């Protein structure tokens, strides 16, 4: 990783694996049934993989999981989303507090992005009003959080 904290290549990104495994380990507490935790791992890793299609079928097949099993996990698994949210907020607060003071300042950004989607194979697709289309249609909305500190 560069001295500025930038990810420059595949090696830098691969190096994040241990930290991501630790983070996922903390979220295991959010699942009342331990057998479902592995499916969450499969979905998270599939979402971050280099698969050309980020849908359930290729993710499950890459992980050696039955497609229907991963589909049912996404539809029916019980988990404590409030606990997961609280943990994420704690991690972000600790990360921001640990940043060195920068004379240029620190800015947090939150962005909600919508994208039109066809079919019913992507998690979260539903009929709603996406700003990018200006009408009610099938789409997915994702939220992104970012932090700019100094020149980074």
Protein backbone atom coordinates (compact mmCIF):
# COMPACT_ATOMS: atom_id res chain seq x y z
CA UNK A 1 0.00 0.00 0.00
CA UNK A 2 1.29 3.46 -0.77
CA UNK A 3 2.36 5.83 2.00
CA UNK A 4 -0.86 7.79 1.47
CA UNK A 5 -3.00 4.72 2.17
CA UNK A 6 -4.08 4.23 -1.44
CA UNK A 7 -4.72 0.78 -2.87
CA UNK A 8 -2.52 0.57 -5.95
CA UNK A 9 -2.83 -2.95 -7.26
CA UNK A 10 -4.28 -6.44 -6.80
CA UNK A 11 -1.64 -7.26 -4.17
CA UNK A 12 -2.76 -4.32 -2.01
CA UNK A 13 -6.40 -5.35 -2.33
CA UNK A 14 -5.58 -9.00 -1.56
CA UNK A 15 -3.76 -7.81 1.55
CA UNK A 16 -7.07 -6.58 2.94
CA UNK A 17 -8.25 -10.21 3.28
CA UNK A 18 -7.22 -10.73 6.93
CA UNK A 19 -8.85 -7.45 8.03
CA UNK A 20 -12.03 -8.34 6.13
CA UNK A 21 -12.10 -11.82 7.73
CA UNK A 22 -11.77 -10.19 11.17
CA UNK A 23 -14.60 -7.77 10.38
CA UNK A 24 -16.83 -10.61 9.16
CA UNK A 25 -15.97 -12.51 12.34
CA UNK A 26 -17.47 -9.73 14.45
CA UNK A 27 -20.67 -9.88 12.39
CA UNK A 28 -21.06 -13.60 13.15
CA UNK A 29 -22.69 -12.52 16.42
CA UNK A 30 -25.55 -11.03 14.40
CA UNK A 31 -26.77 -14.46 13.28
CA UNK A 32 -28.78 -16.52 15.77
CA UNK A 33 -28.20 -19.68 13.70
CA UNK A 34 -24.52 -20.42 13.23
CA UNK A 35 -25.13 -22.50 10.10
CA UNK A 36 -26.20 -19.35 8.24
CA UNK A 37 -22.93 -17.50 8.93
CA UNK A 38 -21.11 -19.43 6.21
CA UNK A 39 -23.72 -18.35 3.67
CA UNK A 40 -23.15 -14.73 4.65
CA UNK A 41 -19.42 -15.25 4.06
CA UNK A 42 -20.16 -16.79 0.67
CA UNK A 43 -22.33 -13.82 -0.32
CA UNK A 44 -19.84 -11.20 0.93
CA UNK A 45 -16.87 -12.82 -0.79
CA UNK A 46 -18.90 -13.35 -3.97
CA UNK A 47 -19.85 -9.67 -3.99
CA UNK A 48 -16.17 -8.71 -3.78
CA UNK A 49 -14.96 -11.34 -6.25
CA UNK A 50 -13.96 -10.84 -9.87
CA UNK A 51 -17.02 -12.72 -11.14
CA UNK A 52 -18.45 -11.02 -14.23
CA UNK A 53 -21.99 -11.44 -12.83
CA UNK A 54 -22.58 -10.69 -9.15
CA UNK A 55 -25.77 -12.71 -8.76
CA UNK A 56 -26.54 -15.65 -6.50
CA UNK A 57 -25.95 -18.41 -9.03
CA UNK A 58 -22.33 -17.61 -9.98
CA UNK A 59 -21.48 -16.76 -6.36
CA UNK A 60 -22.84 -20.07 -5.08
CA UNK A 61 -21.23 -22.12 -7.84
CA UNK A 62 -17.83 -20.48 -7.26
CA UNK A 63 -18.07 -21.32 -3.53
CA UNK A 64 -19.31 -24.89 -4.09
CA UNK A 65 -22.65 -24.09 -2.44
CA UNK A 66 -26.03 -25.20 -3.76
CA UNK A 67 -27.60 -22.25 -5.58
CA UNK A 68 -30.98 -22.75 -3.89
CA UNK A 69 -29.31 -22.77 -0.46
CA UNK A 70 -27.75 -19.35 -1.02
CA UNK A 71 -31.01 -18.02 -2.46
CA UNK A 72 -32.93 -19.18 0.61
CA UNK A 73 -30.32 -17.65 2.90
CA UNK A 74 -30.83 -14.23 1.27
CA UNK A 75 -34.62 -14.50 1.46
CA UNK A 76 -35.22 -16.19 4.82
CA UNK A 77 -32.18 -15.88 7.10
CA UNK A 78 -32.80 -14.12 10.38
CA UNK A 79 -30.09 -11.75 11.54
CA UNK A 80 -29.79 -8.75 13.81
CA UNK A 81 -29.32 -5.91 11.35
CA UNK A 82 -29.38 -3.32 14.14
CA UNK A 83 -26.41 -5.01 15.84
CA UNK A 84 -24.57 -5.12 12.50
CA UNK A 85 -25.29 -1.43 11.93
CA UNK A 86 -24.15 -0.50 15.43
CA UNK A 87 -20.90 -2.43 14.99
CA UNK A 88 -20.20 -0.73 11.66
CA UNK A 89 -20.84 2.68 13.22
CA UNK A 90 -18.44 1.86 16.08
CA UNK A 91 -15.75 0.78 13.60
CA UNK A 92 -16.17 3.97 11.56
CA UNK A 93 -16.08 6.17 14.68
CA UNK A 94 -12.87 4.49 15.86
CA UNK A 95 -11.26 4.84 12.42
CA UNK A 96 -12.12 8.54 12.20
CA UNK A 97 -10.93 9.20 15.76
CA UNK A 98 -7.60 7.50 14.97
CA UNK A 99 -6.89 9.74 11.97
CA UNK A 100 -4.17 12.34 12.46
CA UNK A 101 -5.33 15.93 12.48
CA UNK A 102 -4.94 17.35 8.99
CA UNK A 103 -4.78 21.10 8.29
CA UNK A 104 -6.92 20.58 5.19
CA UNK A 105 -9.64 18.97 7.29
CA UNK A 106 -11.74 15.82 7.12
CA UNK A 107 -15.02 15.44 5.28
CA UNK A 108 -17.48 12.57 5.48
CA UNK A 109 -19.77 11.80 2.56
CA UNK A 110 -22.87 9.67 2.29
CA UNK A 111 -24.31 8.94 -1.14
CA UNK A 112 -27.44 7.06 -2.12
CA UNK A 113 -27.20 5.76 -5.66
CA UNK A 114 -29.88 4.08 -7.73
CA UNK A 115 -29.45 1.90 -10.77
CA UNK A 116 -32.11 0.47 -13.06
CA UNK A 117 -32.25 -3.33 -12.94
CA UNK A 118 -34.15 -5.83 -15.03
CA UNK A 119 -35.31 -9.24 -13.87
CA UNK A 120 -35.54 -10.47 -10.32
CA UNK A 121 -32.16 -12.08 -9.68
CA UNK A 122 -30.44 -9.22 -7.84
CA UNK A 123 -30.95 -8.80 -4.10
CA UNK A 124 -32.91 -5.65 -3.28
CA UNK A 125 -34.48 -5.02 -6.69
CA UNK A 126 -37.96 -3.61 -6.39
CA UNK A 127 -40.35 -1.16 -7.98
CA UNK A 128 -39.58 2.27 -6.60
CA UNK A 129 -38.72 5.80 -7.68
CA UNK A 130 -35.05 5.98 -8.70
CA UNK A 131 -33.86 9.52 -9.31
CA UNK A 132 -31.76 8.36 -12.26
CA UNK A 133 -34.90 7.36 -14.18
CA UNK A 134 -37.37 10.00 -13.03
CA UNK A 135 -40.19 7.45 -12.85
CA UNK A 136 -41.23 4.35 -10.90
CA UNK A 137 -39.45 1.28 -12.24
CA UNK A 138 -37.40 -1.74 -11.14
CA UNK A 139 -34.14 -0.62 -9.60
CA UNK A 140 -31.75 -1.11 -6.74
CA UNK A 141 -30.60 1.56 -4.31
CA UNK A 142 -27.22 1.37 -2.59
CA UNK A 143 -25.75 3.61 0.06
CA UNK A 144 -22.08 4.52 0.08
CA UNK A 145 -20.05 6.17 2.81
CA UNK A 146 -16.71 7.81 2.23
CA UNK A 147 -14.15 9.85 4.08
CA UNK A 148 -11.79 12.42 2.65
CA UNK A 149 -8.91 13.46 4.89
CA UNK A 150 -6.51 16.08 3.65
CA UNK A 151 -5.59 15.24 0.07
CA UNK A 152 -6.73 11.58 0.39
